[in-house]
Amino acid sequence: MRRYRLLGLLAAVAALLLACALSILVGSNPLGPAELWHAITAYDGSTTDQVVVDLRVPRTVAGLVVGVGLGVSGAVIQALTRNPLGDPGILGVDAGAALFVAVGVALGASSPVQYLPFAFVGALVVTGVVSVIGSVGRGGPDPVRLTLAGVALAAVLTGVTTAMMLLDPVTFTRLRGWNAGSFVERGFDVVVPAAPFVVAGVVVAALSARSLTAMGLGDDLAASLGTRLGRTRLLAVLAITLLAGAATAIAGPVGFVGLAVPHIARWITGPDQRWILALSIVLAPTLLLLADVVGRIVLRPGEVPVGVVTAFVGAPVLIHLVRRAKVSTL
């Protein structure tokens, strides 16, 4: 099994490298490997070199950072709730971050860098509210209640965000592209401030991975094995807040990546959260970068926001999961 996991991880890394290359080379103005090599090794300020260094490389790095944030947060949510439908979008985390970003824009925030604190607060508040609602009643947290609470809260928050955008032309203008999920004009000035939060979220998630695996056996059995349930849940909520908040601040709400990737990772590695997190770190940015490449191709010279492309990819996955037997629990 370990050999199979290692082979799966190596294949995922190879796919990620290919996705990075395509992300840099493919666009409204396709480039070749020679032009890429020249831009990296002998930058001379030409238009082609500027496209590579100033636009496509930062955009690719943004896809890597956002992909890691979404994939790992989705894996943590699914493990914490024992719910195969767990995802930052379905549980309302994205909607909460988006609402607070809209509030930030109304207060004067004008760039994704300034969106960061608002996105973190929104992600934290919604994660806490959904967790409380899903835990009310006998038996502790219930996957179905968590999902229903997240979907209902996301609908309300999305409606409020839309109303704010329609009532305030400035908010509408600034959030129009961001709210669809996009990497357009995402430079290092946006990615660098957010990346440390994603790294911190990955570290926190890794620290709780073994305990999350034990919790998959049930709270009672996990506690009997020495798992500190309260500490694990606190670390998981912190990881979700850091990861989903930073990812949403950079690209806006991007759905279904956090839903689909952990299932692919689980299919390859089994239930061990350490391996699921490791594969999610690689697979999620691969999926996101490929979706971004598809978005640039289908309406060339224009492009489709990456959030729209992932919705087309993720919707069939969601339908498949809903139709499966025993969908209420992992």
Protein backbone atom coordinates (compact mmCIF):
# COMPACT_ATOMS: atom_id res chain seq x y z
CA MET A 1 0.00 0.00 0.00
CA ARG A 2 2.85 2.38 0.85
CA ARG A 3 4.44 1.79 -2.55
CA TYR A 4 1.11 2.48 -4.24
CA ARG A 5 0.78 5.73 -2.29
CA LEU A 6 4.29 6.84 -3.26
CA LEU A 7 3.63 6.08 -6.92
CA GLY A 8 0.40 8.05 -6.75
CA LEU A 9 2.19 11.00 -5.16
CA LEU A 10 4.96 10.95 -7.78
CA ALA A 11 2.40 10.82 -10.59
CA ALA A 12 0.57 13.75 -9.02
CA VAL A 13 3.81 15.76 -8.81
CA ALA A 14 4.50 15.07 -12.49
CA ALA A 15 0.98 16.22 -13.37
CA LEU A 16 1.50 19.38 -11.33
CA LEU A 17 4.72 20.21 -13.16
CA LEU A 18 2.93 19.74 -16.49
CA ALA A 19 0.07 21.96 -15.32
CA CYS A 20 2.55 24.68 -14.30
CA ALA A 21 4.20 24.55 -17.72
CA LEU A 22 0.85 24.77 -19.51
CA SER A 23 -0.23 27.65 -17.28
CA ILE A 24 2.82 29.66 -18.32
CA LEU A 25 2.82 28.71 -22.01
CA VAL A 26 -0.91 28.75 -22.89
CA GLY A 27 -2.97 31.90 -23.24
CA SER A 28 -4.26 34.44 -25.72
CA ASN A 29 -0.67 34.62 -26.98
CA PRO A 30 0.72 31.04 -26.89
CA LEU A 31 4.42 30.72 -26.15
CA GLY A 32 7.02 28.05 -26.81
CA PRO A 33 9.58 26.49 -24.46
CA ALA A 34 12.38 28.54 -26.05
CA GLU A 35 10.57 31.81 -25.30
CA LEU A 36 9.96 30.69 -21.72
CA TRP A 37 13.62 29.80 -21.26
CA HIS A 38 14.73 33.15 -22.69
CA ALA A 39 12.41 35.08 -20.37
CA ILE A 40 13.78 33.25 -17.33
CA THR A 41 17.48 33.26 -18.19
CA ALA A 42 17.92 36.38 -20.35
CA TYR A 43 15.12 38.79 -19.49
CA ASP A 44 15.40 41.87 -21.72
CA GLY A 45 12.08 43.63 -21.14
CA SER A 46 10.51 42.56 -24.42
CA THR A 47 6.76 42.09 -24.63
CA THR A 48 7.09 38.30 -24.53
CA ASP A 49 9.39 38.41 -21.51
CA GLN A 50 7.02 40.75 -19.70
CA VAL A 51 4.09 38.42 -20.39
CA VAL A 52 6.00 35.51 -18.88
CA VAL A 53 7.64 37.18 -15.88
CA ASP A 54 5.09 39.84 -14.96
CA LEU A 55 1.82 38.07 -15.80
CA ARG A 56 1.91 34.32 -16.25
CA VAL A 57 4.46 33.31 -13.61
CA PRO A 58 2.71 35.29 -10.84
CA ARG A 59 -0.63 33.92 -12.05
CA THR A 60 0.71 30.38 -11.90
CA VAL A 61 2.05 30.91 -8.39
CA ALA A 62 -1.35 32.30 -7.39
CA GLY A 63 -2.95 29.12 -8.72
CA LEU A 64 -0.53 27.02 -6.69
CA VAL A 65 -1.21 28.91 -3.46
CA VAL A 66 -4.99 29.02 -3.91
CA GLY A 67 -5.09 25.36 -4.94
CA VAL A 68 -3.23 24.28 -1.83
CA GLY A 69 -5.53 26.38 0.34
CA LEU A 70 -8.71 24.97 -1.18
CA GLY A 71 -7.56 21.35 -1.38
CA VAL A 72 -6.24 21.08 2.16
CA SER A 73 -9.16 22.99 3.67
CA GLY A 74 -11.58 20.67 1.86
CA ALA A 75 -9.75 17.61 3.18
CA VAL A 76 -9.81 18.97 6.74
CA ILE A 77 -13.52 19.85 6.51
CA GLN A 78 -14.41 16.38 5.25
CA ALA A 79 -12.37 14.73 8.00
CA LEU A 80 -13.70 16.99 10.74
CA THR A 81 -17.35 16.59 9.78
CA ARG A 82 -17.05 13.02 8.45
CA ASN A 83 -19.06 14.34 5.54
CA PRO A 84 -18.12 13.51 1.93
CA LEU A 85 -19.87 16.70 0.79
CA GLY A 86 -17.64 18.88 2.94
CA ASP A 87 -16.15 21.82 1.03
CA PRO A 88 -15.42 25.49 1.80
CA GLY A 89 -18.17 26.46 -0.64
CA ILE A 90 -20.83 23.99 0.41
CA LEU A 91 -20.30 24.71 4.12
CA GLY A 92 -20.56 28.44 3.52
CA VAL A 93 -16.96 29.36 4.33
CA ASP A 94 -16.43 30.99 0.93
CA ALA A 95 -19.71 32.88 1.21
CA GLY A 96 -18.78 34.19 4.65
CA ALA A 97 -15.38 35.34 3.43
CA ALA A 98 -16.98 36.98 0.38
CA LEU A 99 -19.53 38.85 2.50
CA PHE A 100 -16.91 40.24 4.83
CA VAL A 101 -14.74 41.21 1.85
CA ALA A 102 -17.74 43.09 0.43
CA VAL A 103 -18.05 44.86 3.79
CA GLY A 104 -14.35 45.66 3.57
CA VAL A 105 -14.77 47.12 0.09
CA ALA A 106 -17.64 49.26 1.36
CA LEU A 107 -15.28 50.49 4.09
CA GLY A 108 -12.58 51.38 1.57
CA ALA A 109 -10.57 48.22 0.82
CA SER A 110 -9.54 48.29 -2.83
CA SER A 111 -7.16 45.38 -3.48
CA PRO A 112 -6.95 41.65 -2.69
CA VAL A 113 -4.15 42.40 -0.21
CA GLN A 114 -6.55 44.53 1.81
CA TYR A 115 -9.22 41.82 1.52
CA LEU A 116 -7.17 39.37 3.62
CA PRO A 117 -8.25 40.35 7.17
CA PHE A 118 -11.90 40.57 6.13
CA ALA A 119 -11.76 37.16 4.45
CA PHE A 120 -10.20 35.59 7.55
CA VAL A 121 -12.86 37.02 9.85
CA GLY A 122 -15.65 35.89 7.53
CA ALA A 123 -14.24 32.38 7.22
CA LEU A 124 -13.81 32.09 10.99
CA VAL A 125 -17.30 33.35 11.82
CA VAL A 126 -19.06 31.06 9.33
CA THR A 127 -16.99 28.02 10.32
CA GLY A 128 -17.89 28.61 13.95
CA VAL A 129 -21.59 29.19 13.28
CA VAL A 130 -21.93 26.11 11.06
CA SER A 131 -20.07 23.98 13.61
CA VAL A 132 -22.37 25.14 16.41
CA ILE A 133 -25.55 24.56 14.41
CA GLY A 134 -24.36 21.16 13.23
CA SER A 135 -23.52 20.11 16.79
CA VAL A 136 -26.88 21.01 18.32
CA GLY A 137 -28.89 18.00 19.42
CA ARG A 138 -28.06 14.49 20.49
CA GLY A 139 -25.01 12.68 19.23
CA GLY A 140 -22.79 15.71 18.69
CA PRO A 141 -21.81 16.94 15.22
CA ASP A 142 -23.99 15.45 12.50
CA PRO A 143 -22.80 15.46 8.85
CA VAL A 144 -26.28 16.09 7.46
CA ARG A 145 -26.97 18.99 9.84
CA LEU A 146 -23.58 20.50 9.07
CA THR A 147 -24.22 20.35 5.33
CA LEU A 148 -27.73 21.76 5.59
CA ALA A 149 -26.55 24.53 7.91
CA GLY A 150 -23.71 25.40 5.54
CA VAL A 151 -25.89 25.44 2.43
CA ALA A 152 -28.58 27.53 4.12
CA LEU A 153 -26.09 30.00 5.57
CA ALA A 154 -24.23 30.25 2.25
CA ALA A 155 -27.48 31.09 0.46
CA VAL A 156 -28.29 33.87 2.93
CA LEU A 157 -24.78 35.32 2.90
CA THR A 158 -24.56 35.18 -0.89
CA GLY A 159 -27.86 37.05 -1.12
CA VAL A 160 -26.61 39.75 1.24
CA THR A 161 -23.36 40.06 -0.72
CA THR A 162 -25.25 40.36 -4.00
CA ALA A 163 -27.53 43.02 -2.53
CA MET A 164 -24.52 45.03 -1.35
CA MET A 165 -22.96 44.82 -4.80
CA LEU A 166 -26.17 45.96 -6.51
CA LEU A 167 -26.75 48.84 -4.11
CA ASP A 168 -23.19 50.17 -4.21
CA PRO A 169 -21.65 50.76 -7.68
CA VAL A 170 -18.12 50.92 -6.21
CA THR A 171 -18.50 47.55 -4.50
CA PHE A 172 -19.98 46.07 -7.68
CA THR A 173 -17.12 47.33 -9.84
CA ARG A 174 -14.37 46.10 -7.51
CA LEU A 175 -15.91 42.70 -6.78
CA ARG A 176 -17.43 41.87 -10.18
CA GLY A 177 -14.49 39.81 -11.41
CA TRP A 178 -13.27 38.74 -7.98
CA ASN A 179 -16.64 37.27 -6.98
CA ALA A 180 -16.61 34.88 -9.96
CA GLY A 181 -13.25 33.42 -8.92
CA SER A 182 -10.41 34.68 -11.08
CA PHE A 183 -6.61 34.92 -11.33
CA VAL A 184 -6.64 37.96 -13.61
CA GLU A 185 -4.11 40.58 -12.47
CA ARG A 186 -3.05 38.51 -9.45
CA GLY A 187 0.59 39.47 -9.05
CA PHE A 188 3.16 38.79 -6.38
CA ASP A 189 1.92 41.86 -4.51
CA VAL A 190 -1.23 39.83 -3.77
CA VAL A 191 0.20 36.33 -3.49
CA VAL A 192 3.20 37.00 -1.24
CA PRO A 193 1.22 38.48 1.69
CA ALA A 194 -1.31 35.63 1.56
CA ALA A 195 1.10 32.72 1.07
CA PRO A 196 2.39 32.61 4.69
CA PHE A 197 -1.16 32.11 5.93
CA VAL A 198 -1.61 29.16 3.58
CA VAL A 199 1.69 27.68 4.76
CA ALA A 200 0.63 28.16 8.38
CA GLY A 201 -2.71 26.51 7.63
CA VAL A 202 -0.98 23.51 6.06
CA VAL A 203 1.27 23.16 9.13
CA VAL A 204 -1.72 23.30 11.48
CA ALA A 205 -3.59 20.76 9.35
CA ALA A 206 -0.57 18.45 9.36
CA LEU A 207 -0.34 18.66 13.15
CA SER A 208 -3.94 17.49 13.44
CA ALA A 209 -3.83 14.87 10.66
CA ARG A 210 -3.23 11.83 12.86
CA SER A 211 -5.99 12.86 15.27
CA LEU A 212 -8.40 13.51 12.39
CA THR A 213 -7.72 9.99 11.12
CA ALA A 214 -8.61 8.62 14.55
CA MET A 215 -11.78 10.73 14.67
CA GLY A 216 -12.89 9.02 11.48
CA LEU A 217 -13.45 5.93 13.64
CA GLY A 218 -15.94 7.83 15.80
CA ASP A 219 -15.51 10.22 18.70
CA ASP A 220 -15.80 7.58 21.42
CA LEU A 221 -13.20 5.27 19.91
CA ALA A 222 -10.91 8.20 19.06
CA ALA A 223 -11.09 9.42 22.67
CA SER A 224 -10.32 5.92 23.94
CA LEU A 225 -7.20 5.95 21.73
CA GLY A 226 -6.02 9.13 23.43
CA THR A 227 -7.19 11.71 20.89
CA ARG A 228 -7.93 15.11 22.39
CA LEU A 229 -11.13 15.89 20.53
CA GLY A 230 -11.48 19.53 21.59
CA ARG A 231 -7.89 20.37 20.68
CA THR A 232 -8.21 18.59 17.33
CA ARG A 233 -11.40 20.44 16.43
CA LEU A 234 -9.84 23.77 17.42
CA LEU A 235 -6.78 23.12 15.26
CA ALA A 236 -9.00 22.04 12.37
CA VAL A 237 -11.11 25.20 12.56
CA LEU A 238 -7.93 27.31 12.68
CA ALA A 239 -6.54 25.51 9.62
CA ILE A 240 -9.79 25.93 7.69
CA THR A 241 -9.88 29.64 8.52
CA LEU A 242 -6.29 30.27 7.41
CA LEU A 243 -6.50 28.18 4.25
CA ALA A 244 -9.94 29.10 2.96
CA GLY A 245 -9.61 32.73 4.04
CA ALA A 246 -6.31 33.27 2.22
CA ALA A 247 -7.44 31.39 -0.90
CA THR A 248 -10.68 33.36 -1.11
CA ALA A 249 -8.90 36.66 -0.57
CA ILE A 250 -6.61 35.99 -3.54
CA ALA A 251 -8.99 34.56 -6.12
CA GLY A 252 -12.50 35.02 -4.78
CA PRO A 253 -14.90 32.13 -4.20
CA VAL A 254 -13.78 29.08 -6.20
CA GLY A 255 -16.02 26.09 -5.68
CA PHE A 256 -15.75 22.31 -5.90
CA VAL A 257 -11.93 22.03 -5.79
CA GLY A 258 -12.05 21.34 -2.07
CA LEU A 259 -14.88 18.87 -2.67
CA ALA A 260 -13.42 16.75 -5.46
CA VAL A 261 -9.70 16.62 -4.66
CA PRO A 262 -9.89 14.93 -1.21
CA HIS A 263 -12.04 12.18 -2.75
CA ILE A 264 -9.42 11.55 -5.44
CA ALA A 265 -6.70 11.53 -2.79
CA ARG A 266 -8.70 9.16 -0.57
CA TRP A 267 -9.26 6.82 -3.51
CA ILE A 268 -5.48 6.62 -4.04
CA THR A 269 -4.25 6.52 -0.44
CA GLY A 270 -7.05 5.23 1.76
CA PRO A 271 -8.32 6.91 4.96
CA ASP A 272 -4.97 8.08 6.39
CA GLN A 273 -5.30 11.87 6.62
CA ARG A 274 -1.55 12.40 6.43
CA TRP A 275 -1.46 10.96 2.92
CA ILE A 276 -4.74 12.60 1.96
CA LEU A 277 -3.32 16.01 2.92
CA ALA A 278 -0.06 15.32 1.07
CA LEU A 279 -1.88 14.38 -2.13
CA SER A 280 -4.35 17.25 -1.79
CA ILE A 281 -1.43 19.69 -1.66
CA VAL A 282 -0.37 18.45 -5.10
CA LEU A 283 -3.66 17.53 -6.78
CA ALA A 284 -5.66 20.65 -5.93
CA PRO A 285 -3.33 23.18 -7.61
CA THR A 286 -3.04 20.80 -10.56
CA LEU A 287 -6.81 20.81 -11.04
CA LEU A 288 -7.03 24.55 -10.53
CA LEU A 289 -4.23 25.41 -12.98
CA LEU A 290 -5.70 23.12 -15.64
CA ALA A 291 -9.11 24.72 -15.13
CA ASP A 292 -7.49 28.13 -15.54
CA VAL A 293 -5.83 27.01 -18.77
CA VAL A 294 -9.17 25.73 -20.11
CA GLY A 295 -10.76 29.06 -19.21
CA ARG A 296 -8.16 30.91 -21.28
CA ILE A 297 -8.68 28.69 -24.32
CA VAL A 298 -12.44 28.39 -24.73
CA LEU A 299 -13.13 32.10 -25.34
CA ARG A 300 -9.76 33.23 -26.71
CA PRO A 301 -8.74 36.07 -26.75
CA GLY A 302 -11.08 36.54 -23.77
CA GLU A 303 -11.31 34.06 -20.92
CA VAL A 304 -13.72 32.33 -18.57
CA PRO A 305 -13.09 32.85 -14.82
CA VAL A 306 -11.56 29.80 -13.20
CA GLY A 307 -14.42 29.64 -10.71
CA VAL A 308 -16.87 29.08 -13.57
CA VAL A 309 -14.75 26.28 -15.05
CA THR A 310 -14.40 24.48 -11.71
CA ALA A 311 -18.17 24.72 -11.25
CA PHE A 312 -18.69 22.88 -14.54
CA VAL A 313 -16.18 20.23 -13.47
CA GLY A 314 -17.36 19.92 -9.88
CA ALA A 315 -21.11 19.81 -10.39
CA PRO A 316 -21.08 16.25 -11.83
CA VAL A 317 -18.84 15.18 -8.93
CA LEU A 318 -21.34 16.56 -6.43
CA ILE A 319 -24.24 14.82 -8.18
CA HIS A 320 -22.32 11.53 -8.14
CA LEU A 321 -21.59 11.85 -4.42
CA VAL A 322 -25.19 12.70 -3.58
CA ARG A 323 -26.41 9.63 -5.48
CA ARG A 324 -24.02 7.29 -3.69
CA ALA A 325 -25.25 5.13 -0.89
CA LYS A 326 -24.25 6.11 2.64
CA VAL A 327 -23.51 9.65 1.50
CA SER A 328 -24.11 11.03 4.99
CA THR A 329 -20.82 9.80 6.37
CA LEU A 330 -17.30 8.85 5.38
